[in-house]
Amino acid sequence: MAAKFTADTLIQLAKSRRTYYALNKELPVPASRITDIVNELTLHTPSSFNSQSNRVLVLFGAEHDKLWDMTSDILKTIVPEDAWESTAGRMAGFKAGAGTILFFDDQDVVNGMQAQFAAYADKFPGWASQSLGMQQILTWTALELEGLGANLQHYNPLIDQKVAETWKVPESWKLNAQLVFGGRAGEPGDKDFKPLEERVKVFGQ
């Protein structure tokens, strides 16, 4: 008999998903398991009109290190010298992880949907971003369930060109976010919540 899941299962998973900044390169699962997770969630994340515009680049080991060295080099040209120490610390923290998953949307797909469904043309870029957001939270949660830590970053568009050149990413792929992952080298920080009364309205219950 198939396992019985309820909404409480999903709520508990949402609660367990946290931001881990202290990471190391000791993965509790094989890299192939992470690739399998990415593949499955790429297939099954919803997208508007089933457009399937999400694209993913997964970097492990030296390739991951290369990404954060590259990002550091770019940031060093624009961050004031007196603020660099803090930025360098963040870059070192990301590089200390085991890998990074980069999320893109394929602009060729988005443009094609705009041409095919002109009445919704202005909506498709936002819908593509929403689909990527869904895949990011699913992937982040899945990695936590496997015992990893992760944090989500947004160094696009600063790094877009170098990423495309280094890993031969198609020109139509637009970078959206970077999910850094690795072994847990520390605990997540406290999480504060604003009152639900300010955030949720219910009528007719």
C-alpha atoms as a PDB file:
ATOM      1  CA  MET A   1       0.000   0.000   0.000  1.00  0.00           C
ATOM      2  CA  ALA A   2       1.279   3.466  -0.904  1.00  0.00           C
ATOM      3  CA  ALA A   3       2.325   5.722   1.966  1.00  0.00           C
ATOM      4  CA  LYS A   4      -0.372   8.106   3.192  1.00  0.00           C
ATOM      5  CA  PHE A   5       0.670  11.746   3.123  1.00  0.00           C
ATOM      6  CA  THR A   6      -1.305  14.744   4.340  1.00  0.00           C
ATOM      7  CA  ALA A   7      -0.838  18.510   4.204  1.00  0.00           C
ATOM      8  CA  ASP A   8       0.859  18.215   7.605  1.00  0.00           C
ATOM      9  CA  THR A   9       3.682  16.315   5.898  1.00  0.00           C
ATOM     10  CA  LEU A  10       4.281  19.208   3.523  1.00  0.00           C
ATOM     11  CA  ILE A  11       4.024  21.779   6.319  1.00  0.00           C
ATOM     12  CA  GLN A  12       6.625  19.920   8.361  1.00  0.00           C
ATOM     13  CA  LEU A  13       8.961  19.819   5.353  1.00  0.00           C
ATOM     14  CA  ALA A  14       8.478  23.565   4.854  1.00  0.00           C
ATOM     15  CA  LYS A  15       9.353  24.159   8.508  1.00  0.00           C
ATOM     16  CA  SER A  16      12.487  22.034   8.276  1.00  0.00           C
ATOM     17  CA  ARG A  17      13.890  23.927   5.286  1.00  0.00           C
ATOM     18  CA  ARG A  18      16.406  26.451   6.655  1.00  0.00           C
ATOM     19  CA  THR A  19      19.314  28.568   5.458  1.00  0.00           C
ATOM     20  CA  TYR A  20      22.733  27.102   6.278  1.00  0.00           C
ATOM     21  CA  TYR A  21      25.661  29.437   5.686  1.00  0.00           C
ATOM     22  CA  ALA A  22      28.280  27.301   7.450  1.00  0.00           C
ATOM     23  CA  LEU A  23      29.020  24.550   4.921  1.00  0.00           C
ATOM     24  CA  ASN A  24      31.804  22.116   4.132  1.00  0.00           C
ATOM     25  CA  LYS A  25      32.699  19.779   1.277  1.00  0.00           C
ATOM     26  CA  GLU A  26      31.703  16.560   3.077  1.00  0.00           C
ATOM     27  CA  LEU A  27      28.560  15.393   1.314  1.00  0.00           C
ATOM     28  CA  PRO A  28      26.361  12.939   3.263  1.00  0.00           C
ATOM     29  CA  VAL A  29      25.121  11.446  -0.034  1.00  0.00           C
ATOM     30  CA  PRO A  30      26.814  10.674  -3.377  1.00  0.00           C
ATOM     31  CA  ALA A  31      26.948  13.477  -5.922  1.00  0.00           C
ATOM     32  CA  SER A  32      24.897  11.253  -8.219  1.00  0.00           C
ATOM     33  CA  ARG A  33      22.029  11.391  -5.718  1.00  0.00           C
ATOM     34  CA  ILE A  34      21.997  15.186  -5.948  1.00  0.00           C
ATOM     35  CA  THR A  35      22.005  14.993  -9.745  1.00  0.00           C
ATOM     36  CA  ASP A  36      19.078  12.566  -9.622  1.00  0.00           C
ATOM     37  CA  ILE A  37      17.131  14.961  -7.395  1.00  0.00           C
ATOM     38  CA  VAL A  38      17.789  17.856  -9.770  1.00  0.00           C
ATOM     39  CA  ASN A  39      16.713  15.763 -12.753  1.00  0.00           C
ATOM     40  CA  GLU A  40      13.479  14.596 -11.147  1.00  0.00           C
ATOM     41  CA  LEU A  41      12.497  18.055  -9.954  1.00  0.00           C
ATOM     42  CA  THR A  42      13.324  19.598 -13.330  1.00  0.00           C
ATOM     43  CA  LEU A  43      10.855  17.155 -14.859  1.00  0.00           C
ATOM     44  CA  HIS A  44       8.093  17.641 -12.313  1.00  0.00           C
ATOM     45  CA  THR A  45       8.144  21.343 -11.369  1.00  0.00           C
ATOM     46  CA  PRO A  46       5.021  23.075 -12.737  1.00  0.00           C
ATOM     47  CA  SER A  47       5.307  25.758 -15.417  1.00  0.00           C
ATOM     48  CA  SER A  48       2.762  28.001 -17.116  1.00  0.00           C
ATOM     49  CA  PHE A  49       1.146  26.378 -20.167  1.00  0.00           C
ATOM     50  CA  ASN A  50       3.569  23.480 -19.511  1.00  0.00           C
ATOM     51  CA  SER A  51       6.233  25.641 -21.131  1.00  0.00           C
ATOM     52  CA  GLN A  52       9.075  23.865 -19.277  1.00  0.00           C
ATOM     53  CA  SER A  53      11.374  26.877 -19.495  1.00  0.00           C
ATOM     54  CA  ASN A  54      13.520  25.981 -16.450  1.00  0.00           C
ATOM     55  CA  ARG A  55      17.182  25.175 -17.055  1.00  0.00           C
ATOM     56  CA  VAL A  56      19.789  24.033 -14.513  1.00  0.00           C
ATOM     57  CA  LEU A  57      23.589  23.914 -14.272  1.00  0.00           C
ATOM     58  CA  VAL A  58      25.059  21.783 -11.457  1.00  0.00           C
ATOM     59  CA  LEU A  59      28.655  22.357 -10.352  1.00  0.00           C
ATOM     60  CA  PHE A  60      30.602  20.072  -8.020  1.00  0.00           C
ATOM     61  CA  GLY A  61      34.109  20.223  -6.587  1.00  0.00           C
ATOM     62  CA  ALA A  62      36.639  22.235  -8.582  1.00  0.00           C
ATOM     63  CA  GLU A  63      33.920  23.580 -10.890  1.00  0.00           C
ATOM     64  CA  HIS A  64      32.033  24.925  -7.857  1.00  0.00           C
ATOM     65  CA  ASP A  65      35.242  26.490  -6.521  1.00  0.00           C
ATOM     66  CA  LYS A  66      35.822  28.091  -9.913  1.00  0.00           C
ATOM     67  CA  LEU A  67      32.402  29.767  -9.767  1.00  0.00           C
ATOM     68  CA  TRP A  68      33.058  31.458  -6.428  1.00  0.00           C
ATOM     69  CA  ASP A  69      36.627  32.440  -7.321  1.00  0.00           C
ATOM     70  CA  MET A  70      35.204  34.031 -10.459  1.00  0.00           C
ATOM     71  CA  THR A  71      32.477  35.794  -8.487  1.00  0.00           C
ATOM     72  CA  SER A  72      35.068  37.108  -6.025  1.00  0.00           C
ATOM     73  CA  ASP A  73      37.193  38.484  -8.863  1.00  0.00           C
ATOM     74  CA  ILE A  74      34.193  40.298 -10.336  1.00  0.00           C
ATOM     75  CA  LEU A  75      33.065  41.724  -7.001  1.00  0.00           C
ATOM     76  CA  LYS A  76      36.560  42.912  -6.131  1.00  0.00           C
ATOM     77  CA  THR A  77      36.398  45.337  -9.056  1.00  0.00           C
ATOM     78  CA  ILE A  78      33.240  47.041  -7.719  1.00  0.00           C
ATOM     79  CA  VAL A  79      33.225  46.644  -3.924  1.00  0.00           C
ATOM     80  CA  PRO A  80      34.939  49.505  -2.027  1.00  0.00           C
ATOM     81  CA  GLU A  81      38.234  48.474  -0.451  1.00  0.00           C
ATOM     82  CA  ASP A  82      37.012  49.234   3.057  1.00  0.00           C
ATOM     83  CA  ALA A  83      34.056  46.861   2.551  1.00  0.00           C
ATOM     84  CA  TRP A  84      35.960  44.056   0.867  1.00  0.00           C
ATOM     85  CA  GLU A  85      36.817  42.056   4.003  1.00  0.00           C
ATOM     86  CA  SER A  86      33.136  41.331   4.680  1.00  0.00           C
ATOM     87  CA  THR A  87      32.476  40.434   1.030  1.00  0.00           C
ATOM     88  CA  ALA A  88      35.553  38.195   0.902  1.00  0.00           C
ATOM     89  CA  GLY A  89      34.285  36.346   3.970  1.00  0.00           C
ATOM     90  CA  ARG A  90      30.959  35.648   2.281  1.00  0.00           C
ATOM     91  CA  MET A  91      32.710  34.398  -0.856  1.00  0.00           C
ATOM     92  CA  ALA A  92      34.916  32.094   1.220  1.00  0.00           C
ATOM     93  CA  GLY A  93      31.816  30.735   2.927  1.00  0.00           C
ATOM     94  CA  PHE A  94      30.173  29.869  -0.381  1.00  0.00           C
ATOM     95  CA  LYS A  95      33.370  28.327  -1.756  1.00  0.00           C
ATOM     96  CA  ALA A  96      33.649  26.183   1.394  1.00  0.00           C
ATOM     97  CA  GLY A  97      30.533  24.307   0.245  1.00  0.00           C
ATOM     98  CA  ALA A  98      30.585  21.252  -1.985  1.00  0.00           C
ATOM     99  CA  GLY A  99      28.601  22.501  -4.958  1.00  0.00           C
ATOM    100  CA  THR A 100      26.259  25.027  -6.512  1.00  0.00           C
ATOM    101  CA  ILE A 101      23.074  24.606  -8.519  1.00  0.00           C
ATOM    102  CA  LEU A 102      22.449  27.492 -10.912  1.00  0.00           C
ATOM    103  CA  PHE A 103      18.894  28.095 -12.118  1.00  0.00           C
ATOM    104  CA  PHE A 104      18.046  29.738 -15.434  1.00  0.00           C
ATOM    105  CA  ASP A 105      14.996  30.341 -17.575  1.00  0.00           C
ATOM    106  CA  ASP A 106      15.271  29.795 -21.317  1.00  0.00           C
ATOM    107  CA  GLN A 107      14.359  33.060 -23.019  1.00  0.00           C
ATOM    108  CA  ASP A 108      13.787  31.288 -26.324  1.00  0.00           C
ATOM    109  CA  VAL A 109      10.968  29.352 -24.658  1.00  0.00           C
ATOM    110  CA  VAL A 110       9.579  32.468 -22.973  1.00  0.00           C
ATOM    111  CA  ASN A 111       9.686  34.435 -26.225  1.00  0.00           C
ATOM    112  CA  GLY A 112       8.028  31.562 -28.062  1.00  0.00           C
ATOM    113  CA  MET A 113       5.187  31.457 -25.563  1.00  0.00           C
ATOM    114  CA  GLN A 114       4.746  35.214 -25.870  1.00  0.00           C
ATOM    115  CA  ALA A 115       4.417  34.906 -29.634  1.00  0.00           C
ATOM    116  CA  GLN A 116       2.035  31.958 -29.402  1.00  0.00           C
ATOM    117  CA  PHE A 117      -0.204  33.483 -26.719  1.00  0.00           C
ATOM    118  CA  ALA A 118      -0.002  37.218 -27.405  1.00  0.00           C
ATOM    119  CA  ALA A 119      -2.837  38.081 -25.003  1.00  0.00           C
ATOM    120  CA  TYR A 120      -0.598  36.956 -22.098  1.00  0.00           C
ATOM    121  CA  ALA A 121       2.722  38.145 -23.522  1.00  0.00           C
ATOM    122  CA  ASP A 122       3.549  40.441 -20.620  1.00  0.00           C
ATOM    123  CA  LYS A 123       2.898  37.657 -18.097  1.00  0.00           C
ATOM    124  CA  PHE A 124       5.273  34.963 -19.331  1.00  0.00           C
ATOM    125  CA  PRO A 125       8.539  36.390 -17.898  1.00  0.00           C
ATOM    126  CA  GLY A 126       6.959  36.537 -14.445  1.00  0.00           C
ATOM    127  CA  TRP A 127       5.455  33.088 -14.812  1.00  0.00           C
ATOM    128  CA  ALA A 128       8.865  31.695 -15.807  1.00  0.00           C
ATOM    129  CA  SER A 129      10.387  33.204 -12.653  1.00  0.00           C
ATOM    130  CA  GLN A 130       7.607  31.700 -10.566  1.00  0.00           C
ATOM    131  CA  SER A 131       8.355  28.257 -11.962  1.00  0.00           C
ATOM    132  CA  LEU A 132      12.040  28.680 -11.117  1.00  0.00           C
ATOM    133  CA  GLY A 133      11.071  29.750  -7.605  1.00  0.00           C
ATOM    134  CA  MET A 134       9.050  26.573  -7.209  1.00  0.00           C
ATOM    135  CA  GLN A 135      11.949  24.445  -8.404  1.00  0.00           C
ATOM    136  CA  GLN A 136      14.359  26.251  -6.097  1.00  0.00           C
ATOM    137  CA  ILE A 137      12.282  25.655  -2.978  1.00  0.00           C
ATOM    138  CA  LEU A 138      11.630  22.027  -3.938  1.00  0.00           C
ATOM    139  CA  THR A 139      15.334  21.420  -4.567  1.00  0.00           C
ATOM    140  CA  TRP A 140      16.403  23.233  -1.403  1.00  0.00           C
ATOM    141  CA  THR A 141      13.958  21.205   0.696  1.00  0.00           C
ATOM    142  CA  ALA A 142      14.960  17.932  -0.966  1.00  0.00           C
ATOM    143  CA  LEU A 143      18.638  18.540  -0.230  1.00  0.00           C
ATOM    144  CA  GLU A 144      17.848  19.235   3.424  1.00  0.00           C
ATOM    145  CA  LEU A 145      15.942  15.957   3.610  1.00  0.00           C
ATOM    146  CA  GLU A 146      19.139  14.227   2.415  1.00  0.00           C
ATOM    147  CA  GLY A 147      21.078  15.817   5.281  1.00  0.00           C
ATOM    148  CA  LEU A 148      22.718  18.669   3.380  1.00  0.00           C
ATOM    149  CA  GLY A 149      22.728  22.370   4.162  1.00  0.00           C
ATOM    150  CA  ALA A 150      22.073  25.039   1.538  1.00  0.00           C
ATOM    151  CA  ASN A 151      21.606  28.763   0.970  1.00  0.00           C
ATOM    152  CA  LEU A 152      20.180  30.656  -1.991  1.00  0.00           C
ATOM    153  CA  GLN A 153      22.128  33.497  -3.613  1.00  0.00           C
ATOM    154  CA  HIS A 154      21.544  36.007  -6.429  1.00  0.00           C
ATOM    155  CA  TYR A 155      24.789  37.259  -7.961  1.00  0.00           C
ATOM    156  CA  ASN A 156      23.186  37.622 -11.361  1.00  0.00           C
ATOM    157  CA  PRO A 157      23.493  39.608 -13.578  1.00  0.00           C
ATOM    158  CA  LEU A 158      27.058  40.405 -12.453  1.00  0.00           C
ATOM    159  CA  ILE A 159      28.291  36.877 -13.174  1.00  0.00           C
ATOM    160  CA  ASP A 160      26.064  36.002 -16.144  1.00  0.00           C
ATOM    161  CA  GLN A 161      28.602  36.559 -18.908  1.00  0.00           C
ATOM    162  CA  LYS A 162      31.450  34.695 -17.188  1.00  0.00           C
ATOM    163  CA  VAL A 163      29.165  31.783 -16.316  1.00  0.00           C
ATOM    164  CA  ALA A 164      28.001  31.546 -19.918  1.00  0.00           C
ATOM    165  CA  GLU A 165      31.562  31.675 -21.261  1.00  0.00           C
ATOM    166  CA  THR A 166      33.024  29.218 -18.755  1.00  0.00           C
ATOM    167  CA  TRP A 167      30.388  26.492 -18.953  1.00  0.00           C
ATOM    168  CA  LYS A 168      29.181  27.069 -22.542  1.00  0.00           C
ATOM    169  CA  VAL A 169      25.702  28.046 -21.421  1.00  0.00           C
ATOM    170  CA  PRO A 170      23.372  28.856 -24.352  1.00  0.00           C
ATOM    171  CA  GLU A 171      22.805  32.566 -24.909  1.00  0.00           C
ATOM    172  CA  SER A 172      19.072  32.118 -24.342  1.00  0.00           C
ATOM    173  CA  TRP A 173      19.572  30.914 -20.743  1.00  0.00           C
ATOM    174  CA  LYS A 174      18.981  33.784 -18.288  1.00  0.00           C
ATOM    175  CA  LEU A 175      20.468  33.250 -14.824  1.00  0.00           C
ATOM    176  CA  ASN A 176      18.027  33.578 -11.919  1.00  0.00           C
ATOM    177  CA  ALA A 177      19.664  32.218  -8.732  1.00  0.00           C
ATOM    178  CA  GLN A 178      22.443  30.104  -7.256  1.00  0.00           C
ATOM    179  CA  LEU A 179      21.775  27.421  -4.603  1.00  0.00           C
ATOM    180  CA  VAL A 180      24.985  26.694  -2.670  1.00  0.00           C
ATOM    181  CA  PHE A 181      25.048  23.330  -0.887  1.00  0.00           C
ATOM    182  CA  GLY A 182      27.337  21.135   1.175  1.00  0.00           C
ATOM    183  CA  GLY A 183      27.777  19.342   4.439  1.00  0.00           C
ATOM    184  CA  ARG A 184      26.470  21.144   7.512  1.00  0.00           C
ATOM    185  CA  ALA A 185      29.312  22.839   9.396  1.00  0.00           C
ATOM    186  CA  GLY A 186      27.042  24.817  11.708  1.00  0.00           C
ATOM    187  CA  GLU A 187      23.440  25.478  12.644  1.00  0.00           C
ATOM    188  CA  PRO A 188      20.963  27.853  11.005  1.00  0.00           C
ATOM    189  CA  GLY A 189      20.196  31.111  12.763  1.00  0.00           C
ATOM    190  CA  ASP A 190      16.992  31.977  14.590  1.00  0.00           C
ATOM    191  CA  LYS A 191      13.979  32.757  12.438  1.00  0.00           C
ATOM    192  CA  ASP A 192      11.523  35.510  13.361  1.00  0.00           C
ATOM    193  CA  PHE A 193       7.959  35.690  12.091  1.00  0.00           C
ATOM    194  CA  LYS A 194       5.744  38.703  11.504  1.00  0.00           C
ATOM    195  CA  PRO A 195       2.187  38.323  12.873  1.00  0.00           C
ATOM    196  CA  LEU A 196      -0.076  36.252  10.627  1.00  0.00           C
ATOM    197  CA  GLU A 197      -2.834  38.815  11.184  1.00  0.00           C
ATOM    198  CA  GLU A 198      -0.776  41.224   9.082  1.00  0.00           C
ATOM    199  CA  ARG A 199      -0.162  38.676   6.335  1.00  0.00           C
ATOM    200  CA  VAL A 200      -3.286  36.559   5.852  1.00  0.00           C
ATOM    201  CA  LYS A 201      -6.906  37.556   5.333  1.00  0.00           C
ATOM    202  CA  VAL A 202      -9.759  34.992   5.314  1.00  0.00           C
ATOM    203  CA  PHE A 203     -13.393  35.571   4.342  1.00  0.00           C
ATOM    204  CA  GLY A 204     -16.416  33.259   4.321  1.00  0.00           C
ATOM    205  CA  GLN A 205     -14.968  30.504   6.521  1.00  0.00           C
END
